Protein backbone atom coordinates (compact mmCIF):
# COMPACT_ATOMS: atom_id res chain seq x y z
CA UNK A 1 0.00 0.00 0.00
CA UNK A 2 1.34 3.44 -0.92
CA UNK A 3 -0.27 6.47 0.69
CA UNK A 4 0.36 10.11 -0.11
CA UNK A 5 -0.68 13.33 1.54
CA UNK A 6 0.41 16.75 2.64
CA UNK A 7 -0.47 20.11 4.06
CA UNK A 8 -3.14 22.53 2.84
CA UNK A 9 -0.76 24.79 0.88
CA UNK A 10 1.37 21.97 -0.60
CA UNK A 11 4.68 23.08 0.96
CA UNK A 12 4.99 19.70 2.70
CA UNK A 13 4.20 16.37 1.07
CA UNK A 14 4.72 12.82 2.25
CA UNK A 15 4.50 9.24 1.03
CA UNK A 16 4.06 6.22 3.31
CA UNK A 17 4.65 2.63 2.25
CA UNK A 18 2.87 -0.42 3.63
CA UNK A 19 0.31 -0.90 6.34
CA UNK A 20 0.43 1.24 9.47
CA UNK A 21 1.04 -0.38 12.86
CA UNK A 22 -2.16 1.29 14.05
CA UNK A 23 -4.79 3.61 12.65
CA UNK A 24 -6.98 5.27 15.24
CA UNK A 25 -8.96 8.31 16.26
CA UNK A 26 -7.55 9.98 19.36
CA UNK A 27 -9.63 11.94 21.86
CA UNK A 28 -6.82 12.96 24.24
CA UNK A 29 -6.72 16.54 25.47
CA UNK A 30 -3.23 17.11 24.01
CA UNK A 31 -4.29 16.06 20.50
CA UNK A 32 -7.51 18.07 20.73
CA UNK A 33 -5.69 21.25 21.78
CA UNK A 34 -2.91 20.79 19.22
CA UNK A 35 -5.36 20.25 16.35
CA UNK A 36 -8.20 22.49 17.51
CA UNK A 37 -10.55 19.58 16.83
CA UNK A 38 -12.58 17.16 18.99
CA UNK A 39 -10.76 14.11 17.58
CA UNK A 40 -7.58 13.50 15.55
CA UNK A 41 -6.88 10.55 13.24
CA UNK A 42 -3.42 8.95 13.39
CA UNK A 43 -1.63 6.19 11.45
CA UNK A 44 1.74 4.96 12.75
CA UNK A 45 4.56 4.12 10.31
CA UNK A 46 8.23 3.18 10.74
CA UNK A 47 10.43 6.21 9.91
CA UNK A 48 12.11 4.36 7.04
CA UNK A 49 8.74 3.86 5.31
CA UNK A 50 7.82 7.56 5.36
CA UNK A 51 9.31 10.04 2.91
CA UNK A 52 8.77 13.73 3.68
CA UNK A 53 9.29 16.51 1.13
CA UNK A 54 9.60 19.98 2.60
CA UNK A 55 10.56 20.93 6.14
CA UNK A 56 7.87 20.82 8.80
CA UNK A 57 8.08 23.11 11.82
CA UNK A 58 8.42 21.31 15.14
CA UNK A 59 6.80 22.08 18.49
CA UNK A 60 7.68 20.10 21.62
CA UNK A 61 4.25 19.94 23.26
CA UNK A 62 5.57 18.01 26.28
CA UNK A 63 9.02 16.57 27.06
CA UNK A 64 9.97 14.24 24.21
CA UNK A 65 6.74 14.81 22.29
CA UNK A 66 7.31 16.48 18.94
CA UNK A 67 4.36 17.69 16.91
CA UNK A 68 5.17 18.73 13.37
CA UNK A 69 3.17 21.04 11.14
CA UNK A 70 3.46 23.29 8.10
CA UNK A 71 4.83 26.68 9.17
CA UNK A 72 3.10 28.32 6.18
CA UNK A 73 -0.49 27.09 6.42
CA UNK A 74 -0.52 25.56 9.92
CA UNK A 75 -1.66 22.06 8.94
CA UNK A 76 -0.77 19.49 11.61
CA UNK A 77 1.04 16.53 10.06
CA UNK A 78 3.24 14.34 12.28
CA UNK A 79 3.74 13.18 15.87
CA UNK A 80 7.03 11.80 17.13
CA UNK A 81 7.84 10.44 20.56
CA UNK A 82 10.85 8.11 20.79
CA UNK A 83 9.94 6.84 24.26
CA UNK A 84 6.43 5.78 23.19
CA UNK A 85 6.98 4.94 19.49
CA UNK A 86 10.73 4.41 18.93
CA UNK A 87 11.72 4.76 15.27
CA UNK A 88 8.16 5.53 14.20
CA UNK A 89 6.11 8.52 13.10
CA UNK A 90 2.38 9.05 13.53
CA UNK A 91 0.76 10.73 10.51
CA UNK A 92 -2.47 12.73 10.81
CA UNK A 93 -4.84 10.81 8.53
CA UNK A 94 -6.94 13.88 7.72
CA UNK A 95 -3.98 15.00 5.57
CA UNK A 96 -4.14 11.96 3.26
CA UNK A 97 -4.90 12.66 -0.40
CA UNK A 98 -7.48 9.86 -0.26
CA UNK A 99 -9.39 10.20 3.04
CA UNK A 100 -10.98 6.77 2.50
CA UNK A 101 -7.63 4.98 2.18
CA UNK A 102 -7.34 4.29 5.93
CA UNK A 103 -10.67 3.94 7.74
CA UNK A 104 -10.07 4.15 11.50
CA UNK A 105 -9.68 0.84 13.30
CA UNK A 106 -10.21 2.13 16.83
CA UNK A 107 -10.96 5.13 19.03
CA UNK A 108 -8.38 5.76 21.74
CA UNK A 109 -8.11 7.94 24.84
CA UNK A 110 -11.91 8.03 25.01
CA UNK A 111 -11.71 8.90 28.72
CA UNK A 112 -10.62 12.38 27.57
CA UNK A 113 -13.42 12.83 25.01
CA UNK A 114 -15.88 15.65 25.68
CA UNK A 115 -19.08 14.29 27.26
CA UNK A 116 -21.14 15.49 24.28
CA UNK A 117 -19.26 13.10 21.99
CA UNK A 118 -21.42 10.24 23.30
CA UNK A 119 -24.39 11.75 21.42
CA UNK A 120 -22.48 12.51 18.22
CA UNK A 121 -24.41 10.03 16.07
CA UNK A 122 -27.73 11.63 17.11
CA UNK A 123 -26.82 15.07 15.70
CA UNK A 124 -28.67 16.20 12.55
CA UNK A 125 -26.71 15.58 9.33
CA UNK A 126 -26.53 17.78 6.23
CA UNK A 127 -24.68 16.86 3.04
CA UNK A 128 -23.68 20.50 2.64
CA UNK A 129 -23.90 23.62 4.76
CA UNK A 130 -27.59 24.01 5.72
CA UNK A 131 -29.45 27.12 4.73
C-alpha atoms as a PDB file:
ATOM      1  CA  UNK A   1       0.000   0.000   0.000  1.00  0.00           C
ATOM      2  CA  UNK A   2       1.340   3.442  -0.918  1.00  0.00           C
ATOM      3  CA  UNK A   3      -0.271   6.466   0.689  1.00  0.00           C
ATOM      4  CA  UNK A   4       0.358  10.113  -0.108  1.00  0.00           C
ATOM      5  CA  UNK A   5      -0.681  13.326   1.540  1.00  0.00           C
ATOM      6  CA  UNK A   6       0.406  16.748   2.645  1.00  0.00           C
ATOM      7  CA  UNK A   7      -0.473  20.111   4.063  1.00  0.00           C
ATOM      8  CA  UNK A   8      -3.139  22.529   2.837  1.00  0.00           C
ATOM      9  CA  UNK A   9      -0.758  24.785   0.881  1.00  0.00           C
ATOM     10  CA  UNK A  10       1.370  21.972  -0.600  1.00  0.00           C
ATOM     11  CA  UNK A  11       4.676  23.079   0.965  1.00  0.00           C
ATOM     12  CA  UNK A  12       4.990  19.699   2.699  1.00  0.00           C
ATOM     13  CA  UNK A  13       4.196  16.373   1.067  1.00  0.00           C
ATOM     14  CA  UNK A  14       4.717  12.820   2.247  1.00  0.00           C
ATOM     15  CA  UNK A  15       4.496   9.241   1.033  1.00  0.00           C
ATOM     16  CA  UNK A  16       4.060   6.223   3.312  1.00  0.00           C
ATOM     17  CA  UNK A  17       4.650   2.625   2.252  1.00  0.00           C
ATOM     18  CA  UNK A  18       2.875  -0.417   3.635  1.00  0.00           C
ATOM     19  CA  UNK A  19       0.306  -0.900   6.337  1.00  0.00           C
ATOM     20  CA  UNK A  20       0.430   1.244   9.474  1.00  0.00           C
ATOM     21  CA  UNK A  21       1.043  -0.376  12.859  1.00  0.00           C
ATOM     22  CA  UNK A  22      -2.158   1.295  14.049  1.00  0.00           C
ATOM     23  CA  UNK A  23      -4.789   3.607  12.653  1.00  0.00           C
ATOM     24  CA  UNK A  24      -6.977   5.268  15.239  1.00  0.00           C
ATOM     25  CA  UNK A  25      -8.958   8.311  16.262  1.00  0.00           C
ATOM     26  CA  UNK A  26      -7.546   9.982  19.360  1.00  0.00           C
ATOM     27  CA  UNK A  27      -9.631  11.943  21.860  1.00  0.00           C
ATOM     28  CA  UNK A  28      -6.820  12.958  24.242  1.00  0.00           C
ATOM     29  CA  UNK A  29      -6.717  16.537  25.468  1.00  0.00           C
ATOM     30  CA  UNK A  30      -3.232  17.111  24.013  1.00  0.00           C
ATOM     31  CA  UNK A  31      -4.289  16.061  20.499  1.00  0.00           C
ATOM     32  CA  UNK A  32      -7.512  18.067  20.734  1.00  0.00           C
ATOM     33  CA  UNK A  33      -5.692  21.246  21.784  1.00  0.00           C
ATOM     34  CA  UNK A  34      -2.914  20.793  19.218  1.00  0.00           C
ATOM     35  CA  UNK A  35      -5.361  20.255  16.352  1.00  0.00           C
ATOM     36  CA  UNK A  36      -8.199  22.488  17.511  1.00  0.00           C
ATOM     37  CA  UNK A  37     -10.551  19.582  16.835  1.00  0.00           C
ATOM     38  CA  UNK A  38     -12.585  17.162  18.990  1.00  0.00           C
ATOM     39  CA  UNK A  39     -10.757  14.109  17.579  1.00  0.00           C
ATOM     40  CA  UNK A  40      -7.584  13.495  15.551  1.00  0.00           C
ATOM     41  CA  UNK A  41      -6.882  10.554  13.236  1.00  0.00           C
ATOM     42  CA  UNK A  42      -3.419   8.945  13.392  1.00  0.00           C
ATOM     43  CA  UNK A  43      -1.625   6.188  11.445  1.00  0.00           C
ATOM     44  CA  UNK A  44       1.742   4.957  12.748  1.00  0.00           C
ATOM     45  CA  UNK A  45       4.562   4.124  10.314  1.00  0.00           C
ATOM     46  CA  UNK A  46       8.225   3.176  10.742  1.00  0.00           C
ATOM     47  CA  UNK A  47      10.429   6.209   9.911  1.00  0.00           C
ATOM     48  CA  UNK A  48      12.110   4.362   7.044  1.00  0.00           C
ATOM     49  CA  UNK A  49       8.737   3.862   5.306  1.00  0.00           C
ATOM     50  CA  UNK A  50       7.820   7.555   5.364  1.00  0.00           C
ATOM     51  CA  UNK A  51       9.314  10.044   2.910  1.00  0.00           C
ATOM     52  CA  UNK A  52       8.770  13.732   3.676  1.00  0.00           C
ATOM     53  CA  UNK A  53       9.293  16.506   1.126  1.00  0.00           C
ATOM     54  CA  UNK A  54       9.600  19.984   2.600  1.00  0.00           C
ATOM     55  CA  UNK A  55      10.565  20.931   6.142  1.00  0.00           C
ATOM     56  CA  UNK A  56       7.865  20.821   8.798  1.00  0.00           C
ATOM     57  CA  UNK A  57       8.080  23.107  11.818  1.00  0.00           C
ATOM     58  CA  UNK A  58       8.417  21.311  15.144  1.00  0.00           C
ATOM     59  CA  UNK A  59       6.801  22.080  18.491  1.00  0.00           C
ATOM     60  CA  UNK A  60       7.682  20.101  21.623  1.00  0.00           C
ATOM     61  CA  UNK A  61       4.250  19.936  23.261  1.00  0.00           C
ATOM     62  CA  UNK A  62       5.569  18.014  26.284  1.00  0.00           C
ATOM     63  CA  UNK A  63       9.022  16.574  27.063  1.00  0.00           C
ATOM     64  CA  UNK A  64       9.970  14.237  24.212  1.00  0.00           C
ATOM     65  CA  UNK A  65       6.735  14.807  22.288  1.00  0.00           C
ATOM     66  CA  UNK A  66       7.314  16.481  18.937  1.00  0.00           C
ATOM     67  CA  UNK A  67       4.357  17.690  16.915  1.00  0.00           C
ATOM     68  CA  UNK A  68       5.170  18.733  13.370  1.00  0.00           C
ATOM     69  CA  UNK A  69       3.171  21.036  11.135  1.00  0.00           C
ATOM     70  CA  UNK A  70       3.459  23.289   8.101  1.00  0.00           C
ATOM     71  CA  UNK A  71       4.829  26.676   9.168  1.00  0.00           C
ATOM     72  CA  UNK A  72       3.101  28.321   6.184  1.00  0.00           C
ATOM     73  CA  UNK A  73      -0.488  27.093   6.419  1.00  0.00           C
ATOM     74  CA  UNK A  74      -0.516  25.565   9.921  1.00  0.00           C
ATOM     75  CA  UNK A  75      -1.662  22.063   8.942  1.00  0.00           C
ATOM     76  CA  UNK A  76      -0.770  19.486  11.607  1.00  0.00           C
ATOM     77  CA  UNK A  77       1.042  16.530  10.061  1.00  0.00           C
ATOM     78  CA  UNK A  78       3.236  14.341  12.285  1.00  0.00           C
ATOM     79  CA  UNK A  79       3.736  13.179  15.875  1.00  0.00           C
ATOM     80  CA  UNK A  80       7.035  11.799  17.133  1.00  0.00           C
ATOM     81  CA  UNK A  81       7.836  10.437  20.565  1.00  0.00           C
ATOM     82  CA  UNK A  82      10.854   8.113  20.791  1.00  0.00           C
ATOM     83  CA  UNK A  83       9.943   6.836  24.264  1.00  0.00           C
ATOM     84  CA  UNK A  84       6.432   5.776  23.194  1.00  0.00           C
ATOM     85  CA  UNK A  85       6.975   4.940  19.495  1.00  0.00           C
ATOM     86  CA  UNK A  86      10.732   4.413  18.927  1.00  0.00           C
ATOM     87  CA  UNK A  87      11.721   4.761  15.266  1.00  0.00           C
ATOM     88  CA  UNK A  88       8.157   5.526  14.203  1.00  0.00           C
ATOM     89  CA  UNK A  89       6.108   8.519  13.098  1.00  0.00           C
ATOM     90  CA  UNK A  90       2.379   9.052  13.532  1.00  0.00           C
ATOM     91  CA  UNK A  91       0.760  10.730  10.511  1.00  0.00           C
ATOM     92  CA  UNK A  92      -2.469  12.732  10.810  1.00  0.00           C
ATOM     93  CA  UNK A  93      -4.841  10.809   8.527  1.00  0.00           C
ATOM     94  CA  UNK A  94      -6.936  13.884   7.725  1.00  0.00           C
ATOM     95  CA  UNK A  95      -3.981  15.001   5.565  1.00  0.00           C
ATOM     96  CA  UNK A  96      -4.139  11.960   3.256  1.00  0.00           C
ATOM     97  CA  UNK A  97      -4.896  12.663  -0.403  1.00  0.00           C
ATOM     98  CA  UNK A  98      -7.477   9.862  -0.255  1.00  0.00           C
ATOM     99  CA  UNK A  99      -9.390  10.198   3.038  1.00  0.00           C
ATOM    100  CA  UNK A 100     -10.983   6.773   2.505  1.00  0.00           C
ATOM    101  CA  UNK A 101      -7.625   4.983   2.184  1.00  0.00           C
ATOM    102  CA  UNK A 102      -7.344   4.292   5.934  1.00  0.00           C
ATOM    103  CA  UNK A 103     -10.668   3.939   7.735  1.00  0.00           C
ATOM    104  CA  UNK A 104     -10.070   4.150  11.498  1.00  0.00           C
ATOM    105  CA  UNK A 105      -9.678   0.839  13.296  1.00  0.00           C
ATOM    106  CA  UNK A 106     -10.212   2.129  16.826  1.00  0.00           C
ATOM    107  CA  UNK A 107     -10.957   5.127  19.031  1.00  0.00           C
ATOM    108  CA  UNK A 108      -8.375   5.764  21.743  1.00  0.00           C
ATOM    109  CA  UNK A 109      -8.110   7.941  24.841  1.00  0.00           C
ATOM    110  CA  UNK A 110     -11.912   8.033  25.010  1.00  0.00           C
ATOM    111  CA  UNK A 111     -11.712   8.898  28.720  1.00  0.00           C
ATOM    112  CA  UNK A 112     -10.621  12.381  27.572  1.00  0.00           C
ATOM    113  CA  UNK A 113     -13.416  12.826  25.013  1.00  0.00           C
ATOM    114  CA  UNK A 114     -15.879  15.651  25.682  1.00  0.00           C
ATOM    115  CA  UNK A 115     -19.078  14.294  27.256  1.00  0.00           C
ATOM    116  CA  UNK A 116     -21.143  15.491  24.275  1.00  0.00           C
ATOM    117  CA  UNK A 117     -19.259  13.097  21.987  1.00  0.00           C
ATOM    118  CA  UNK A 118     -21.424  10.244  23.300  1.00  0.00           C
ATOM    119  CA  UNK A 119     -24.393  11.751  21.421  1.00  0.00           C
ATOM    120  CA  UNK A 120     -22.481  12.514  18.219  1.00  0.00           C
ATOM    121  CA  UNK A 121     -24.411  10.032  16.070  1.00  0.00           C
ATOM    122  CA  UNK A 122     -27.726  11.632  17.107  1.00  0.00           C
ATOM    123  CA  UNK A 123     -26.823  15.068  15.695  1.00  0.00           C
ATOM    124  CA  UNK A 124     -28.674  16.198  12.549  1.00  0.00           C
ATOM    125  CA  UNK A 125     -26.714  15.581   9.331  1.00  0.00           C
ATOM    126  CA  UNK A 126     -26.526  17.781   6.235  1.00  0.00           C
ATOM    127  CA  UNK A 127     -24.678  16.858   3.042  1.00  0.00           C
ATOM    128  CA  UNK A 128     -23.684  20.503   2.642  1.00  0.00           C
ATOM    129  CA  UNK A 129     -23.904  23.620   4.764  1.00  0.00           C
ATOM    130  CA  UNK A 130     -27.593  24.008   5.716  1.00  0.00           C
ATOM    131  CA  UNK A 131     -29.446  27.116   4.733  1.00  0.00           C
END
